[in-house]
Amino acid sequence: MIDSLSNSELLAHDSCALLANLLLKKNWFLATAESCTGGLIAAECTHLAGSSAWFERGFVSYANAAKTELLGVNAALIAQHGAVSEPVVRAMVAGALAHSHAHVALAVTGVAGPGGGSVDKPVGTVWFGWAWGKQLVAEVMHFEGDRSAVRLATVEHALKRLGNLLINEVTA
């Protein structure tokens, strides 16, 4: 029930509904490529009734081998830059588009914690990628909190930012 959701979950629902409306206006489909969220973004999308009209598929590529096998991310790219990096998220989002029938894709890879962080990539570091048409946008965010908080913040940011990026496409 809606009244039992946390504030971050309510925000994710709002962002997802906005994104759904934008995609429906263009008759576009979305594909997701997720590492640190383990399918939470796809779950949030498919939580909305009627999502089959705009959500095409989700790739959960948690392990490095999965990034290579499912999305075509070059293993050498991962070895050189690490799984949590701009080059890898760019390859993930491009791979999600290439291995689907979607018009729009988003990808996330990060360190949700509590372990796995480093000086260069502390816990809470998440790389995002969004692609549509000839556009590809990548950015890094640093979230505070425990594993659950980092993952929920990642879901919210991924959906909200994609909606913001697509607003100009839909109204153009």
Protein backbone atom coordinates (compact mmCIF):
# COMPACT_ATOMS: atom_id res chain seq x y z
CA MET A 1 0.00 0.00 0.00
CA ILE A 2 1.18 3.52 -0.78
CA ASP A 3 0.85 4.70 2.84
CA SER A 4 3.36 2.06 3.96
CA LEU A 5 6.13 3.17 1.60
CA SER A 6 9.12 5.19 2.80
CA ASN A 7 9.75 8.68 1.40
CA SER A 8 12.48 7.36 -0.92
CA GLU A 9 10.14 4.64 -2.21
CA LEU A 10 7.40 7.22 -2.83
CA LEU A 11 9.86 9.39 -4.76
CA ALA A 12 10.88 6.40 -6.88
CA HIS A 13 7.23 5.68 -7.71
CA ASP A 14 6.66 9.33 -8.71
CA SER A 15 9.81 9.39 -10.85
CA CYS A 16 8.91 6.10 -12.47
CA ALA A 17 5.36 7.29 -13.28
CA LEU A 18 6.75 10.47 -14.87
CA LEU A 19 9.23 8.44 -16.88
CA ALA A 20 6.49 6.03 -17.97
CA ASN A 21 4.38 8.92 -19.25
CA LEU A 22 7.31 10.37 -21.19
CA LEU A 23 8.12 7.02 -22.80
CA LEU A 24 4.46 6.40 -23.68
CA LYS A 25 4.22 9.81 -25.40
CA LYS A 26 7.07 8.82 -27.73
CA ASN A 27 6.01 5.17 -27.99
CA TRP A 28 9.48 4.27 -26.70
CA PHE A 29 10.63 1.28 -24.69
CA LEU A 30 13.16 1.18 -21.85
CA ALA A 31 15.85 -1.39 -21.07
CA THR A 32 17.86 -1.42 -17.85
CA ALA A 33 21.35 -2.76 -17.11
CA GLU A 34 21.91 -3.07 -13.38
CA SER A 35 24.81 -4.12 -11.24
CA CYS A 36 24.68 -2.74 -7.68
CA THR A 37 20.87 -2.52 -7.64
CA GLY A 38 20.43 -6.16 -8.67
CA GLY A 39 17.19 -5.58 -10.57
CA LEU A 40 15.55 -3.04 -8.25
CA ILE A 41 15.13 -0.51 -11.08
CA ALA A 42 13.41 -3.07 -13.29
CA ALA A 43 11.25 -4.09 -10.32
CA GLU A 44 10.28 -0.47 -9.73
CA CYS A 45 9.33 -0.07 -13.38
CA THR A 46 7.28 -3.25 -13.50
CA HIS A 47 5.57 -2.35 -10.22
CA LEU A 48 3.44 0.04 -12.29
CA ALA A 49 0.43 -1.60 -13.95
CA GLY A 50 0.68 -1.46 -17.72
CA SER A 51 4.47 -1.25 -17.73
CA SER A 52 4.64 -3.72 -20.62
CA ALA A 53 3.64 -0.78 -22.83
CA TRP A 54 6.98 0.96 -22.15
CA PHE A 55 9.37 -1.38 -20.27
CA GLU A 56 11.13 -3.82 -22.63
CA ARG A 57 13.65 -5.73 -20.49
CA GLY A 58 16.16 -5.62 -17.68
CA PHE A 59 19.65 -7.06 -17.49
CA VAL A 60 21.03 -7.89 -14.05
CA SER A 61 24.77 -8.00 -14.64
CA TYR A 62 26.08 -8.14 -11.10
CA ALA A 63 29.26 -10.11 -11.83
CA ASN A 64 31.90 -8.85 -14.23
CA ALA A 65 31.43 -11.94 -16.41
CA ALA A 66 27.73 -11.11 -16.70
CA LYS A 67 28.58 -7.60 -17.90
CA THR A 68 30.68 -9.17 -20.63
CA GLU A 69 28.31 -12.01 -21.55
CA LEU A 70 24.97 -10.17 -21.38
CA LEU A 71 25.96 -6.65 -22.44
CA GLY A 72 29.13 -7.12 -24.46
CA VAL A 73 31.31 -5.09 -22.09
CA ASN A 74 34.94 -5.78 -23.00
CA ALA A 75 36.63 -7.65 -20.13
CA ALA A 76 39.80 -5.62 -20.74
CA LEU A 77 37.81 -2.43 -20.08
CA ILE A 78 36.72 -3.80 -16.71
CA ALA A 79 40.27 -4.94 -15.90
CA GLN A 80 41.71 -1.54 -16.80
CA HIS A 81 39.14 0.76 -15.15
CA GLY A 82 37.25 -1.46 -12.70
CA ALA A 83 33.57 -2.35 -12.83
CA VAL A 84 32.61 0.90 -11.10
CA SER A 85 33.81 3.40 -13.69
CA GLU A 86 32.63 5.71 -16.43
CA PRO A 87 33.96 3.57 -19.32
CA VAL A 88 32.19 0.48 -17.96
CA VAL A 89 28.84 2.19 -17.36
CA ARG A 90 29.02 3.68 -20.86
CA ALA A 91 29.63 0.20 -22.29
CA MET A 92 26.82 -1.23 -20.16
CA VAL A 93 24.22 1.28 -21.34
CA ALA A 94 25.32 0.92 -24.97
CA GLY A 95 25.13 -2.86 -24.56
CA ALA A 96 21.62 -2.66 -23.11
CA LEU A 97 20.48 -0.80 -26.23
CA ALA A 98 22.36 -3.13 -28.57
CA HIS A 99 21.00 -6.30 -26.93
CA SER A 100 17.37 -5.18 -26.74
CA HIS A 101 14.63 -3.63 -28.84
CA ALA A 102 14.44 -0.60 -26.55
CA HIS A 103 14.78 3.02 -27.63
CA VAL A 104 16.12 4.17 -24.25
CA ALA A 105 18.44 2.50 -21.76
CA LEU A 106 19.86 3.19 -18.35
CA ALA A 107 22.73 1.47 -16.56
CA VAL A 108 24.11 1.57 -13.02
CA THR A 109 27.25 0.17 -11.44
CA GLY A 110 28.46 1.03 -7.98
CA VAL A 111 29.69 0.17 -4.51
CA ALA A 112 26.66 -0.30 -2.26
CA GLY A 113 28.63 -1.51 0.75
CA PRO A 114 29.21 -2.15 3.47
CA GLY A 115 32.48 -3.49 2.05
CA GLY A 116 34.10 -3.23 -1.34
CA GLY A 117 34.97 0.44 -1.22
CA SER A 118 38.39 1.97 -1.74
CA VAL A 119 40.01 5.40 -1.43
CA ASP A 120 39.23 6.11 -5.10
CA LYS A 121 35.77 4.49 -5.03
CA PRO A 122 34.35 4.66 -1.50
CA VAL A 123 31.12 2.95 -0.50
CA GLY A 124 28.26 4.93 -2.00
CA THR A 125 30.01 5.62 -5.32
CA VAL A 126 27.66 4.89 -8.22
CA TRP A 127 28.16 5.46 -11.95
CA PHE A 128 25.06 6.05 -14.07
CA GLY A 129 24.58 5.88 -17.82
CA TRP A 130 21.55 6.88 -19.91
CA ALA A 131 21.29 6.48 -23.67
CA TRP A 132 18.72 7.19 -26.38
CA GLY A 133 19.14 7.99 -30.06
CA LYS A 134 22.68 9.28 -30.49
CA GLN A 135 22.79 10.60 -26.91
CA LEU A 136 24.75 8.98 -24.09
CA VAL A 137 25.08 10.69 -20.71
CA ALA A 138 27.16 9.37 -17.82
CA GLU A 139 27.67 10.74 -14.34
CA VAL A 140 28.90 9.68 -10.94
CA MET A 141 27.10 10.19 -7.65
CA HIS A 142 28.15 9.56 -4.06
CA PHE A 143 25.38 8.48 -1.69
CA GLU A 144 25.46 8.26 2.09
CA GLY A 145 23.99 5.54 4.25
CA ASP A 146 23.90 1.80 4.50
CA ARG A 147 23.59 -0.67 1.62
CA SER A 148 19.82 -0.32 1.43
CA ALA A 149 19.98 3.50 1.42
CA VAL A 150 22.60 3.53 -1.35
CA ARG A 151 20.57 1.14 -3.49
CA LEU A 152 17.31 3.05 -3.01
CA ALA A 153 19.02 6.38 -3.76
CA THR A 154 20.46 4.81 -6.91
CA VAL A 155 17.02 3.68 -8.10
CA GLU A 156 15.52 7.10 -7.45
CA HIS A 157 18.35 9.01 -9.15
CA ALA A 158 18.44 6.70 -12.18
CA LEU A 159 14.71 7.12 -12.87
CA LYS A 160 14.43 10.80 -12.00
CA ARG A 161 17.48 11.86 -14.02
CA LEU A 162 16.33 9.87 -17.05
CA GLY A 163 12.94 11.56 -16.85
CA ASN A 164 14.64 14.95 -16.70
CA LEU A 165 16.86 14.09 -19.67
CA LEU A 166 13.91 12.92 -21.77
CA ILE A 167 11.60 15.87 -21.07
CA ASN A 168 13.27 17.89 -23.82
CA GLU A 169 13.02 14.97 -26.25
CA VAL A 170 9.29 14.55 -25.66
CA THR A 171 8.39 18.23 -25.80
CA ALA A 172 10.58 18.95 -28.86
